[in-house]
């Protein structure tokens, strides 16, 4: 069933007069704090029951104030002495899936609760029972494997790339996935017991893969990065030594377990259900709401490992000693392979115990910021690799406040220079001056975005990040070797654009159950994390606001359901663009009102 909704404009678009605009900081508004929100948290069963000791979170839209409450034995909660505002409301309880008020799915957008002075709003939040994955981990001989870490990874839309990716199950903001805990405190994981069995609970419905990693306690032979696999020849040689002690290694051949050139080195790398080494070969588990899936077993087996070895050199060709060199899976957010060492006096490094796969080898020196990176493919054979460190680049520019309000302190604008797709360890530092100039002095080569880290100063919004004639506020830019980026101008304005209005059903009733996606009409801006894409949920009166928009042409579409992060997916936005969305253009400072009605043909 399609989630797209046909829209129709039923009230002419209007532009709010400039004289009616109210900006943060233009005048002081004293909140009376007489509003209330009260309600209950109940189970999502067909016959709901109250949930005691559930945690309820309330977040104010205006300033982000966060309040929490715990439900009583009747599942009731209340927030009192609230200023008039729009609030996000959510609830969580161990063993259940967190939900935002009004959301149709875990991680979905909730319905804002509007509170006026002297008004009491009521809300009921339904928490679905969490799903469960259980199974047994065994070794290659079929024996139960105790003390093995088992983790679930869920397919989601990446907030960094907009593509489909696997992420570890973790606790986040209200409405995100929650799961059971392992003894070591990592959510979404469990340790197998003495029977090799595990149980992970509190999962939302969705697609998962399951991995198992042998992490022995207290070290021991299994903790060694390179393990020599004993062969029949080793056993024969050991028996010969027992019979003829004088026939030691000097008498011909190496002692068993010493890892000769022809030996087989193995390790117990992370394995995926049912017995896959690579994640793209793992079986996908489709988990329904409240479902308990058993028999999700994993077989551990030693896999052939190899070493990455070579020399780390400085730009002038001299050896670089004491620098960290790392081998990591660039696709992994958690639970993947990560091994590191430090280069020796002559610049040589050896990283052993690397299982088959594609890896990123990288090194960064401190405080110089010299960096090197290369991709390698491991198939059980040692890989020679020479890394030459490149000098860091600089990224510099200035911040400009363009508006009629008093400009805040430049240091209130926190900057973030992010590398795509994989952050390199030891991100670039930042030097600032009182007049708004900034320099990132040690930046490795790569693809970057420059953005405001967190919220801009109150009353201000980002207008543009100009690199020459190109606005790179939403488009990544490349830093090549020996290329310093200079003259970036980051401009903030106190006149951001805004689109507001009401969303109603075909019969004229408020439609808070839908989600509006406001996005740029230009496909160049269909990128992850852009300011030009907003997803908003109308409140219980059907009113919506999409604020802090850069000037430009936009499309507005409505959907009945929205997966967390799906607004970052270019394919999804392309589908919306073909569904007959409403088109609207806003200039800087516009406060446009766009009332929308769901078409009867939907």
Protein backbone atom coordinates (compact mmCIF):
# COMPACT_ATOMS: atom_id res chain seq x y z
CA UNK A 1 0.00 0.00 0.00
CA UNK A 2 1.37 3.36 -0.99
CA UNK A 3 2.24 5.82 1.73
CA UNK A 4 2.01 8.84 -0.56
CA UNK A 5 -0.95 11.17 -0.11
CA UNK A 6 -2.55 13.39 -2.74
CA UNK A 7 -2.75 16.99 -1.58
CA UNK A 8 -4.85 19.93 -2.61
CA UNK A 9 -4.55 23.59 -1.70
CA UNK A 10 -7.84 24.80 -0.24
CA UNK A 11 -6.82 28.17 1.18
CA UNK A 12 -4.85 30.61 -0.94
CA UNK A 13 -1.20 30.85 -0.04
CA UNK A 14 -0.47 34.02 1.87
CA UNK A 15 2.61 35.91 2.94
CA UNK A 16 2.61 37.20 6.50
CA UNK A 17 3.36 40.94 6.66
CA UNK A 18 6.81 41.79 7.85
CA UNK A 19 5.35 43.94 10.62
CA UNK A 20 3.77 40.88 12.25
CA UNK A 21 7.00 38.89 12.43
CA UNK A 22 8.30 38.11 15.89
CA UNK A 23 11.94 37.18 16.21
CA UNK A 24 13.67 35.67 19.20
CA UNK A 25 15.33 38.48 21.08
CA UNK A 26 13.16 41.23 19.54
CA UNK A 27 11.20 41.53 22.75
CA UNK A 28 10.88 39.73 26.04
CA UNK A 29 7.88 37.43 26.43
CA UNK A 30 7.08 36.41 29.97
CA UNK A 31 5.63 32.89 30.17
CA UNK A 32 2.80 32.45 32.64
CA UNK A 33 3.46 28.70 33.12
CA UNK A 34 -0.12 27.67 33.76
CA UNK A 35 -0.48 24.88 31.19
CA UNK A 36 -0.66 21.16 31.94
CA UNK A 37 -0.23 17.86 30.10
CA UNK A 38 -1.64 14.74 31.72
CA UNK A 39 -2.23 11.25 30.44
CA UNK A 40 -1.46 7.57 30.66
CA UNK A 41 1.03 5.08 29.27
CA UNK A 42 -0.54 1.77 28.29
CA UNK A 43 0.56 -1.39 26.55
CA UNK A 44 -0.05 -1.73 22.84
CA UNK A 45 -2.07 -4.93 23.24
CA UNK A 46 -5.53 -5.35 21.77
CA UNK A 47 -6.78 -4.78 25.30
CA UNK A 48 -4.36 -2.13 26.65
CA UNK A 49 -3.24 -2.33 30.26
CA UNK A 50 -1.60 0.49 32.27
CA UNK A 51 2.19 0.43 32.43
CA UNK A 52 3.64 1.42 35.78
CA UNK A 53 7.13 2.87 36.20
CA UNK A 54 7.35 3.96 32.56
CA UNK A 55 9.53 7.00 31.87
CA UNK A 56 7.78 9.88 30.10
CA UNK A 57 9.83 12.64 28.45
CA UNK A 58 8.54 16.10 27.51
CA UNK A 59 10.56 18.45 25.27
CA UNK A 60 9.58 22.07 24.62
CA UNK A 61 9.83 23.16 21.00
CA UNK A 62 10.83 26.76 21.74
CA UNK A 63 13.95 26.26 23.83
CA UNK A 64 14.43 22.48 24.06
CA UNK A 65 13.63 22.31 27.79
CA UNK A 66 13.40 18.64 28.79
CA UNK A 67 11.25 17.30 31.63
CA UNK A 68 10.77 13.70 32.75
CA UNK A 69 8.16 11.91 34.82
CA UNK A 70 7.50 8.34 35.94
CA UNK A 71 4.05 6.79 35.70
CA UNK A 72 2.23 5.60 38.81
CA UNK A 73 0.58 2.21 39.33
CA UNK A 74 -2.28 3.27 37.06
CA UNK A 75 0.10 4.29 34.29
CA UNK A 76 -0.73 7.96 34.83
CA UNK A 77 1.61 10.94 34.51
CA UNK A 78 1.29 14.73 34.61
CA UNK A 79 3.38 17.80 33.78
CA UNK A 80 2.22 21.02 35.38
CA UNK A 81 3.20 24.71 35.39
CA UNK A 82 4.05 24.64 31.68
CA UNK A 83 4.42 27.78 29.54
CA UNK A 84 2.34 27.99 26.36
CA UNK A 85 4.25 26.08 23.68
CA UNK A 86 4.32 23.03 21.41
CA UNK A 87 5.75 19.93 23.09
CA UNK A 88 7.14 16.57 21.98
CA UNK A 89 5.97 13.77 24.25
CA UNK A 90 7.34 10.23 24.42
CA UNK A 91 7.53 7.24 26.75
CA UNK A 92 9.80 4.24 27.33
CA UNK A 93 9.81 1.17 29.55
CA UNK A 94 12.19 -1.76 29.77
CA UNK A 95 10.97 -4.64 27.62
CA UNK A 96 8.81 -2.34 25.49
CA UNK A 97 9.61 -0.24 22.44
CA UNK A 98 9.81 3.53 23.07
CA UNK A 99 7.21 5.56 21.23
CA UNK A 100 6.54 9.21 20.56
CA UNK A 101 2.99 10.37 21.16
CA UNK A 102 0.97 9.96 17.97
CA UNK A 103 3.67 7.98 16.15
CA UNK A 104 2.69 4.96 14.09
CA UNK A 105 6.06 3.24 14.31
CA UNK A 106 9.11 3.21 16.57
CA UNK A 107 11.41 6.02 15.57
CA UNK A 108 8.63 7.78 13.70
CA UNK A 109 7.64 11.41 14.01
CA UNK A 110 5.24 12.08 16.86
CA UNK A 111 2.32 14.49 17.05
CA UNK A 112 3.18 17.73 18.88
CA UNK A 113 1.04 18.55 21.89
CA UNK A 114 -0.08 22.18 21.94
CA UNK A 115 -0.52 23.79 25.34
CA UNK A 116 -2.02 27.26 25.83
CA UNK A 117 -2.15 29.28 29.05
CA UNK A 118 -4.54 27.76 31.60
CA UNK A 119 -5.09 24.76 29.31
CA UNK A 120 -4.80 21.07 30.18
CA UNK A 121 -3.97 18.71 27.32
CA UNK A 122 -4.57 14.96 27.53
CA UNK A 123 -2.46 12.26 25.88
CA UNK A 124 -2.35 8.47 25.82
CA UNK A 125 0.86 6.75 24.69
CA UNK A 126 0.78 3.13 23.57
CA UNK A 127 3.98 1.13 23.94
CA UNK A 128 4.21 -2.08 21.90
CA UNK A 129 5.77 -5.06 23.53
CA UNK A 130 9.33 -5.52 22.34
CA UNK A 131 10.24 -8.40 20.09
CA UNK A 132 12.79 -11.05 21.05
CA UNK A 133 15.60 -12.85 19.25
CA UNK A 134 17.06 -15.97 20.84
CA UNK A 135 19.44 -18.66 19.73
CA UNK A 136 22.53 -20.69 20.45
CA UNK A 137 26.16 -20.08 19.55
CA UNK A 138 28.27 -23.16 18.83
CA UNK A 139 31.82 -23.78 17.73
CA UNK A 140 32.80 -25.59 14.52
CA UNK A 141 32.41 -28.95 16.29
CA UNK A 142 28.82 -28.19 17.37
CA UNK A 143 29.69 -27.59 21.01
CA UNK A 144 27.96 -24.73 22.90
CA UNK A 145 30.12 -21.60 23.15
CA UNK A 146 29.70 -19.75 26.48
CA UNK A 147 30.74 -16.15 27.17
CA UNK A 148 30.31 -15.06 23.57
CA UNK A 149 29.07 -11.54 22.81
CA UNK A 150 26.02 -11.57 20.54
CA UNK A 151 24.80 -8.34 18.94
CA UNK A 152 21.87 -7.38 16.74
CA UNK A 153 22.31 -4.90 13.88
CA UNK A 154 19.29 -3.27 12.28
CA UNK A 155 18.85 -2.09 8.70
CA UNK A 156 18.13 1.64 8.74
CA UNK A 157 18.48 4.69 6.52
CA UNK A 158 21.86 6.27 7.20
CA UNK A 159 21.75 9.78 8.62
CA UNK A 160 25.16 10.42 6.98
CA UNK A 161 24.65 9.10 3.46
CA UNK A 162 20.91 8.54 3.06
CA UNK A 163 21.59 4.96 1.96
CA UNK A 164 20.49 1.73 3.55
CA UNK A 165 22.95 0.56 6.17
CA UNK A 166 23.35 -1.57 9.28
CA UNK A 167 23.54 0.12 12.66
CA UNK A 168 23.92 -1.24 16.13
CA UNK A 169 20.79 -1.23 18.26
CA UNK A 170 21.18 1.46 20.88
CA UNK A 171 19.29 3.82 23.11
CA UNK A 172 18.80 7.26 21.60
CA UNK A 173 16.26 10.04 21.82
CA UNK A 174 12.60 9.29 22.45
CA UNK A 175 11.13 6.93 19.92
CA UNK A 176 14.39 5.29 18.90
CA UNK A 177 15.18 1.62 19.28
CA UNK A 178 15.78 0.24 22.75
CA UNK A 179 16.90 -3.24 23.68
CA UNK A 180 18.02 -5.49 26.48
CA UNK A 181 21.41 -5.08 28.10
CA UNK A 182 24.41 -7.29 28.31
CA UNK A 183 26.32 -7.44 31.60
CA UNK A 184 28.93 -5.06 30.13
CA UNK A 185 26.25 -2.42 29.54
CA UNK A 186 26.17 -2.32 25.73
CA UNK A 187 22.54 -2.14 24.53
CA UNK A 188 21.46 -4.55 21.84
CA UNK A 189 23.92 -7.20 23.00
CA UNK A 190 23.89 -10.24 25.22
CA UNK A 191 26.38 -12.81 26.49
CA UNK A 192 25.80 -16.49 25.93
CA UNK A 193 25.32 -18.60 29.04
CA UNK A 194 26.94 -21.93 29.86
CA UNK A 195 24.66 -23.62 27.29
CA UNK A 196 25.73 -21.18 24.57
CA UNK A 197 22.28 -19.61 24.58
CA UNK A 198 21.45 -15.90 24.34
CA UNK A 199 18.31 -13.76 24.46
CA UNK A 200 17.98 -10.13 23.28
CA UNK A 201 14.65 -8.46 23.98
CA UNK A 202 12.85 -5.13 23.63
CA UNK A 203 13.41 -4.93 19.86
CA UNK A 204 11.25 -2.99 17.44
CA UNK A 205 9.93 -4.68 14.33
CA UNK A 206 12.28 -4.48 11.37
CA UNK A 207 15.09 -6.25 9.53
CA UNK A 208 18.12 -7.44 11.50
CA UNK A 209 21.30 -9.45 11.27
CA UNK A 210 22.89 -11.17 14.26
CA UNK A 211 26.63 -11.37 14.93
CA UNK A 212 28.67 -13.29 17.49
CA UNK A 213 32.15 -12.36 18.66
CA UNK A 214 34.42 -14.40 20.87
CA UNK A 215 35.94 -12.05 23.43
CA UNK A 216 37.51 -14.25 26.08
CA UNK A 217 37.74 -12.93 29.60
CA UNK A 218 41.15 -12.63 31.16
CA UNK A 219 43.10 -13.09 27.93
CA UNK A 220 44.42 -16.54 27.18
CA UNK A 221 45.34 -18.17 23.86
CA UNK A 222 42.12 -17.07 22.18
CA UNK A 223 43.02 -13.41 22.78
CA UNK A 224 46.17 -13.58 20.66
CA UNK A 225 45.79 -11.78 17.33
CA UNK A 226 47.54 -14.53 15.38
CA UNK A 227 46.74 -18.12 16.32
CA UNK A 228 48.67 -20.96 14.71
CA UNK A 229 46.27 -23.74 13.77
CA UNK A 230 47.68 -27.12 14.79
CA UNK A 231 47.86 -29.47 11.82
CA UNK A 232 48.32 -33.25 11.57
CA UNK A 233 51.97 -32.59 10.69
CA UNK A 234 52.38 -30.67 13.95
CA UNK A 235 50.94 -33.57 15.93
CA UNK A 236 53.24 -36.03 14.16
CA UNK A 237 56.23 -33.80 14.85
CA UNK A 238 55.32 -33.49 18.56
CA UNK A 239 55.09 -37.27 18.90
CA UNK A 240 58.47 -37.63 17.26
CA UNK A 241 59.97 -35.17 19.73
CA UNK A 242 58.50 -37.16 22.62
CA UNK A 243 60.08 -40.33 21.28
CA UNK A 244 63.37 -38.70 20.30
CA UNK A 245 64.02 -35.65 22.51
CA UNK A 246 67.35 -35.03 20.74
CA UNK A 247 65.45 -34.28 17.49
CA UNK A 248 64.66 -30.70 18.46
CA UNK A 249 64.00 -27.78 16.12
CA UNK A 250 67.71 -27.55 15.33
CA UNK A 251 67.54 -31.09 14.06
CA UNK A 252 65.09 -30.24 11.34
CA UNK A 253 61.82 -28.32 11.22
CA UNK A 254 60.19 -25.91 13.57
CA UNK A 255 58.55 -26.71 16.84
CA UNK A 256 54.77 -27.03 16.66
CA UNK A 257 52.85 -23.80 17.07
CA UNK A 258 55.70 -21.47 16.17
CA UNK A 259 54.05 -20.21 12.99
CA UNK A 260 56.44 -21.18 10.18
CA UNK A 261 56.08 -19.73 6.70
CA UNK A 262 53.82 -22.56 5.64
CA UNK A 263 51.69 -22.55 8.76
CA UNK A 264 48.02 -21.61 8.90
CA UNK A 265 47.16 -18.59 11.02
CA UNK A 266 43.56 -18.23 12.17
CA UNK A 267 41.41 -16.14 14.46
CA UNK A 268 37.87 -16.24 15.78
CA UNK A 269 36.57 -13.22 13.85
CA UNK A 270 32.99 -11.92 14.24
CA UNK A 271 30.56 -14.34 12.60
CA UNK A 272 27.04 -13.65 11.37
CA UNK A 273 23.96 -15.85 11.45
CA UNK A 274 24.09 -18.59 10.42
CA UNK A 275 27.84 -18.95 9.62
CA UNK A 276 28.90 -16.00 7.46
CA UNK A 277 32.15 -14.05 7.73
CA UNK A 278 30.96 -11.03 5.71
CA UNK A 279 27.93 -9.03 6.70
CA UNK A 280 26.60 -8.93 3.15
CA UNK A 281 26.41 -12.74 3.28
CA UNK A 282 24.51 -12.80 6.60
CA UNK A 283 20.92 -13.98 6.72
CA UNK A 284 18.39 -11.17 7.19
CA UNK A 285 15.86 -11.68 9.96
CA UNK A 286 12.48 -10.02 9.41
CA UNK A 287 11.09 -9.43 12.90
CA UNK A 288 7.43 -8.61 13.44
CA UNK A 289 5.96 -6.52 16.24
CA UNK A 290 5.95 -8.41 19.55
CA UNK A 291 7.38 -11.51 17.88
CA UNK A 292 9.76 -13.93 19.58
CA UNK A 293 12.10 -15.50 17.05
CA UNK A 294 14.05 -18.50 18.28
CA UNK A 295 16.63 -20.67 16.58
CA UNK A 296 18.75 -17.74 15.35
CA UNK A 297 21.94 -19.72 15.83
CA UNK A 298 25.48 -18.71 14.96
CA UNK A 299 28.41 -21.04 14.31
CA UNK A 300 31.83 -19.78 15.35
CA UNK A 301 34.76 -21.09 13.38
CA UNK A 302 38.35 -19.99 12.95
CA UNK A 303 38.98 -18.10 9.73
CA UNK A 304 42.32 -17.64 7.98
CA UNK A 305 44.05 -14.43 8.94
CA UNK A 306 46.93 -12.49 7.51
CA UNK A 307 49.06 -9.46 8.23
CA UNK A 308 49.31 -5.99 6.81
CA UNK A 309 52.96 -4.98 7.00
CA UNK A 310 55.02 -2.17 5.60
CA UNK A 311 56.77 1.11 6.25
CA UNK A 312 55.27 4.43 7.27
CA UNK A 313 57.19 7.39 5.82
CA UNK A 314 57.07 11.13 6.20
CA UNK A 315 56.55 13.41 3.16
CA UNK A 316 60.34 13.74 2.72
CA UNK A 317 60.78 9.95 2.67
CA UNK A 318 62.25 9.56 6.16
CA UNK A 319 60.73 6.90 8.46
CA UNK A 320 57.92 7.95 10.78
CA UNK A 321 58.22 6.31 14.19
CA UNK A 322 55.69 6.10 17.01
CA UNK A 323 52.60 6.83 14.89
CA UNK A 324 49.40 4.82 15.25
CA UNK A 325 48.50 2.70 12.23
CA UNK A 326 45.00 1.21 12.18
CA UNK A 327 43.14 -1.39 10.17
CA UNK A 328 39.39 -1.01 10.28
CA UNK A 329 36.24 -1.95 8.46
CA UNK A 330 35.03 1.35 6.97
CA UNK A 331 31.44 0.09 6.85
CA UNK A 332 31.29 -0.79 10.51
CA UNK A 333 29.75 1.44 13.16
CA UNK A 334 30.22 -1.20 15.85
CA UNK A 335 31.19 -4.81 16.20
CA UNK A 336 33.50 -4.74 13.16
CA UNK A 337 37.19 -5.40 12.87
CA UNK A 338 39.55 -2.83 14.34
CA UNK A 339 43.25 -3.47 14.94
CA UNK A 340 46.07 -1.04 15.46
CA UNK A 341 49.76 -0.78 16.25
CA UNK A 342 52.48 1.86 16.30
CA UNK A 343 55.25 2.21 13.79
CA UNK A 344 58.72 1.29 14.98
CA UNK A 345 61.91 3.31 15.01
CA UNK A 346 62.50 2.52 11.32
CA UNK A 347 58.84 3.24 10.41
CA UNK A 348 57.97 -0.42 10.06
CA UNK A 349 54.59 -1.70 11.21
CA UNK A 350 52.89 -5.09 11.31
CA UNK A 351 49.21 -5.66 12.04
CA UNK A 352 48.36 -9.34 12.24
CA UNK A 353 45.23 -11.39 12.70
CA UNK A 354 43.22 -9.62 9.98
CA UNK A 355 40.40 -11.83 8.64
CA UNK A 356 39.23 -11.78 5.01
CA UNK A 357 37.50 -8.57 3.91
CA UNK A 358 37.98 -5.06 2.58
CA UNK A 359 39.64 -2.66 5.02
CA UNK A 360 40.86 0.88 5.42
CA UNK A 361 44.43 1.29 6.67
CA UNK A 362 45.10 4.75 8.02
CA UNK A 363 47.53 6.74 10.13
CA UNK A 364 47.52 10.23 11.64
CA UNK A 365 50.37 11.91 13.50
CA UNK A 366 49.90 14.29 16.42
CA UNK A 367 50.14 17.20 16.74
CA UNK A 368 51.35 17.71 13.15
CA UNK A 369 48.28 16.19 11.54
CA UNK A 370 50.16 14.28 8.84
CA UNK A 371 47.87 11.58 7.44
CA UNK A 372 47.81 8.60 5.11
CA UNK A 373 45.09 6.15 4.12
CA UNK A 374 44.77 3.19 1.75
CA UNK A 375 42.30 0.38 1.07
CA UNK A 376 43.38 -3.25 1.18
CA UNK A 377 41.60 -6.51 0.38
CA UNK A 378 42.52 -9.43 2.64
CA UNK A 379 42.05 -13.02 1.44
CA UNK A 380 44.21 -14.92 3.92
CA UNK A 381 47.56 -13.81 2.49
CA UNK A 382 49.91 -11.18 3.89
CA UNK A 383 49.67 -7.80 2.19
CA UNK A 384 52.71 -5.50 1.88
CA UNK A 385 51.83 -1.83 2.11
CA UNK A 386 53.87 1.36 2.06
CA UNK A 387 52.17 4.44 3.51
CA UNK A 388 53.47 7.92 2.80
CA UNK A 389 52.13 10.61 5.08
CA UNK A 390 50.81 13.74 3.40
CA UNK A 391 51.01 17.20 4.98
CA UNK A 392 47.71 18.53 6.34
CA UNK A 393 45.72 21.19 4.53
CA UNK A 394 44.09 24.25 6.06
CA UNK A 395 40.46 25.35 5.77
CA UNK A 396 39.88 28.97 6.68
CA UNK A 397 37.19 31.60 6.45
CA UNK A 398 35.02 33.96 8.44
CA UNK A 399 31.58 34.16 10.01
CA UNK A 400 29.21 37.00 9.10
CA UNK A 401 25.98 38.04 10.87
CA UNK A 402 23.63 39.75 8.41
CA UNK A 403 20.51 41.16 10.03
CA UNK A 404 18.92 43.96 12.00
CA UNK A 405 19.26 42.26 15.40
CA UNK A 406 22.31 42.73 17.56
CA UNK A 407 25.00 40.28 16.47
CA UNK A 408 25.91 37.69 19.12
CA UNK A 409 29.41 36.69 20.11
CA UNK A 410 31.12 34.88 17.23
CA UNK A 411 32.23 32.13 19.60
CA UNK A 412 28.58 31.14 20.12
CA UNK A 413 28.68 29.63 16.62
CA UNK A 414 30.19 26.17 16.98
CA UNK A 415 31.69 24.84 13.75
CA UNK A 416 31.91 21.25 12.54
CA UNK A 417 34.10 20.11 9.63
CA UNK A 418 33.01 16.56 8.87
CA UNK A 419 34.82 14.09 6.61
CA UNK A 420 32.85 11.74 4.39
CA UNK A 421 32.22 8.90 4.44
CA UNK A 422 34.51 7.68 7.18
CA UNK A 423 35.79 10.04 9.88
CA UNK A 424 39.55 9.86 10.22
CA UNK A 425 40.84 9.59 13.76
CA UNK A 426 41.88 12.83 15.33
CA UNK A 427 39.63 15.22 13.44
CA UNK A 428 40.92 18.67 12.53
CA UNK A 429 41.30 21.21 15.30
CA UNK A 430 39.96 24.74 15.16
CA UNK A 431 41.53 28.15 15.75
CA UNK A 432 39.26 31.19 16.26
CA UNK A 433 39.69 34.97 16.43
CA UNK A 434 37.36 37.51 18.09
CA UNK A 435 36.37 39.05 14.74
CA UNK A 436 34.78 35.81 13.47
CA UNK A 437 37.69 34.39 11.50
CA UNK A 438 38.43 30.69 11.80
CA UNK A 439 41.09 28.24 10.67
CA UNK A 440 41.09 24.45 10.69
CA UNK A 441 44.91 24.08 10.59
CA UNK A 442 45.38 20.32 10.25
CA UNK A 443 42.91 18.80 7.79
CA UNK A 444 43.65 15.50 6.02
CA UNK A 445 42.70 15.27 2.34
CA UNK A 446 39.19 14.04 1.59
CA UNK A 447 35.59 15.10 1.10
CA UNK A 448 34.10 17.41 3.72
CA UNK A 449 31.08 19.42 4.78
CA UNK A 450 31.25 22.55 6.94
CA UNK A 451 28.26 23.16 9.15
CA UNK A 452 27.16 24.63 12.44
CA UNK A 453 27.62 22.11 15.23
CA UNK A 454 24.37 22.12 17.19
CA UNK A 455 21.99 25.06 17.17
CA UNK A 456 22.87 28.54 15.89
CA UNK A 457 22.51 31.48 18.29
CA UNK A 458 18.92 32.24 19.30
CA UNK A 459 17.10 34.18 16.60
CA UNK A 460 19.63 33.36 13.91
CA UNK A 461 19.84 30.72 11.17
CA UNK A 462 22.44 29.66 8.63
CA UNK A 463 21.94 31.35 5.26
CA UNK A 464 24.91 30.03 3.29
CA UNK A 465 28.48 28.72 3.33
CA UNK A 466 30.06 30.22 0.24
CA UNK A 467 33.22 28.73 -1.26
CA UNK A 468 33.77 31.13 -4.13
CA UNK A 469 30.50 31.24 -6.05
CA UNK A 470 29.25 27.88 -4.74
CA UNK A 471 27.08 27.41 -1.65
CA UNK A 472 28.55 24.34 0.08
CA UNK A 473 26.32 24.48 3.14
CA UNK A 474 24.57 21.31 1.90
CA UNK A 475 26.98 20.06 -0.78
CA UNK A 476 30.29 18.35 0.13
CA UNK A 477 33.53 19.82 -1.18
CA UNK A 478 36.85 18.15 -1.94
CA UNK A 479 40.21 18.88 -0.31
CA UNK A 480 42.98 17.57 -2.55
CA UNK A 481 46.69 17.21 -1.66
CA UNK A 482 48.49 20.56 -1.49
CA UNK A 483 45.16 22.39 -1.79
CA UNK A 484 44.39 24.86 0.98
CA UNK A 485 40.78 26.05 1.18
CA UNK A 486 40.61 29.75 1.89
CA UNK A 487 38.02 32.50 1.89
CA UNK A 488 34.97 30.53 3.03
CA UNK A 489 32.19 32.91 4.13
CA UNK A 490 29.60 31.48 6.52
CA UNK A 491 26.65 33.88 6.75
CA UNK A 492 23.93 33.78 9.39
CA UNK A 493 20.68 35.68 9.05
CA UNK A 494 17.97 36.73 11.50
CA UNK A 495 15.39 36.44 8.70
CA UNK A 496 15.03 32.72 7.92
CA UNK A 497 12.07 31.64 5.82
CA UNK A 498 9.16 29.68 7.24
CA UNK A 499 6.24 27.73 5.83
CA UNK A 500 3.24 27.12 8.10
CA UNK A 501 -0.39 26.23 7.73
CA UNK A 502 -2.94 23.55 8.48
CA UNK A 503 -3.37 20.03 7.15
CA UNK A 504 -6.95 18.74 6.95
CA UNK A 505 -8.74 15.69 5.70
CA UNK A 506 -11.05 15.82 2.68
CA UNK A 507 -13.96 16.46 5.07
CA UNK A 508 -12.20 19.41 6.74
CA UNK A 509 -11.05 17.69 9.93
CA UNK A 510 -7.49 18.11 11.34
CA UNK A 511 -5.11 15.46 10.01
CA UNK A 512 -2.38 15.03 12.64
CA UNK A 513 -1.83 11.39 11.66
CA UNK A 514 0.09 12.37 8.52
CA UNK A 515 3.70 13.54 8.13
CA UNK A 516 4.57 16.41 5.81
CA UNK A 517 7.92 16.35 4.02
CA UNK A 518 9.14 19.75 2.84
CA UNK A 519 12.16 19.43 0.54
CA UNK A 520 14.05 21.34 -2.10
CA UNK A 521 12.81 21.20 -5.68
CA UNK A 522 16.47 20.99 -6.77
CA UNK A 523 17.75 17.36 -6.69
CA UNK A 524 21.27 18.65 -5.93
CA UNK A 525 20.10 19.24 -2.39
CA UNK A 526 18.68 15.75 -1.86
CA UNK A 527 21.56 14.89 0.44
CA UNK A 528 21.73 13.68 4.02
CA UNK A 529 21.61 16.30 6.75
CA UNK A 530 20.55 19.17 4.51
CA UNK A 531 18.74 22.19 5.96
CA UNK A 532 16.49 22.15 2.90
CA UNK A 533 14.61 19.02 3.93
CA UNK A 534 12.17 19.14 6.84
CA UNK A 535 9.78 16.52 8.09
CA UNK A 536 7.01 17.93 10.27
CA UNK A 537 4.07 16.38 12.04
CA UNK A 538 0.95 18.55 12.37
CA UNK A 539 -0.31 19.05 15.90
CA UNK A 540 -3.69 17.85 17.12
CA UNK A 541 -5.34 20.88 15.48
CA UNK A 542 -3.65 20.05 12.17
CA UNK A 543 -1.27 23.03 12.35
CA UNK A 544 2.30 22.65 11.13
CA UNK A 545 5.44 24.80 10.94
CA UNK A 546 8.56 24.21 8.84
CA UNK A 547 11.04 26.84 9.94
CA UNK A 548 14.65 27.93 9.39
CA UNK A 549 14.46 27.33 5.65
CA UNK A 550 16.96 28.86 3.22
CA UNK A 551 15.40 30.83 0.38
CA UNK A 552 14.49 28.69 -2.61
CA UNK A 553 11.92 26.51 -4.35
CA UNK A 554 10.34 23.71 -2.31
CA UNK A 555 8.00 20.75 -2.67
CA UNK A 556 5.53 19.62 0.00
CA UNK A 557 4.29 16.02 0.14
CA UNK A 558 2.39 14.05 2.78
CA UNK A 559 2.92 10.43 3.78
CA UNK A 560 1.04 8.15 6.11
CA UNK A 561 4.24 6.70 7.52
CA UNK A 562 7.89 7.74 7.63
CA UNK A 563 10.84 5.61 8.62
CA UNK A 564 13.47 7.27 10.79
CA UNK A 565 16.03 8.93 8.50
CA UNK A 566 14.06 8.16 5.34
CA UNK A 567 13.98 11.87 4.48
CA UNK A 568 17.73 11.55 3.77
CA UNK A 569 17.17 8.97 1.02
CA UNK A 570 17.40 10.56 -2.47
CA UNK A 571 15.33 7.71 -3.96
CA UNK A 572 12.54 8.38 -1.48
CA UNK A 573 12.56 12.12 -2.25
CA UNK A 574 12.49 11.35 -5.98
CA UNK A 575 9.39 9.23 -5.39
CA UNK A 576 7.76 12.10 -3.52
CA UNK A 577 8.69 14.52 -6.31
CA UNK A 578 6.77 12.31 -8.78
CA UNK A 579 3.65 12.08 -6.59
CA UNK A 580 2.22 15.50 -7.44
CA UNK A 581 3.50 17.54 -4.48
CA UNK A 582 2.63 21.16 -3.83
CA UNK A 583 5.22 23.62 -5.14
CA UNK A 584 6.10 26.76 -3.22
CA UNK A 585 8.82 29.42 -3.40
CA UNK A 586 10.11 31.33 -0.39
CA UNK A 587 12.45 34.29 -0.21
CA UNK A 588 14.57 35.18 2.80
CA UNK A 589 12.38 36.40 5.65
CA UNK A 590 9.15 35.03 4.14
CA UNK A 591 6.51 33.70 6.51
CA UNK A 592 4.28 31.90 4.08
CA UNK A 593 1.02 30.26 5.03
CA UNK A 594 0.08 27.19 3.00
CA UNK A 595 -3.13 25.42 4.03
CA UNK A 596 -3.48 21.93 2.64
CA UNK A 597 -6.30 19.41 2.34
CA UNK A 598 -5.94 15.69 1.71
CA UNK A 599 -7.52 14.96 -1.68
CA UNK A 600 -10.60 12.75 -1.69
CA UNK A 601 -9.07 10.54 -4.41
CA UNK A 602 -6.39 9.25 -2.03
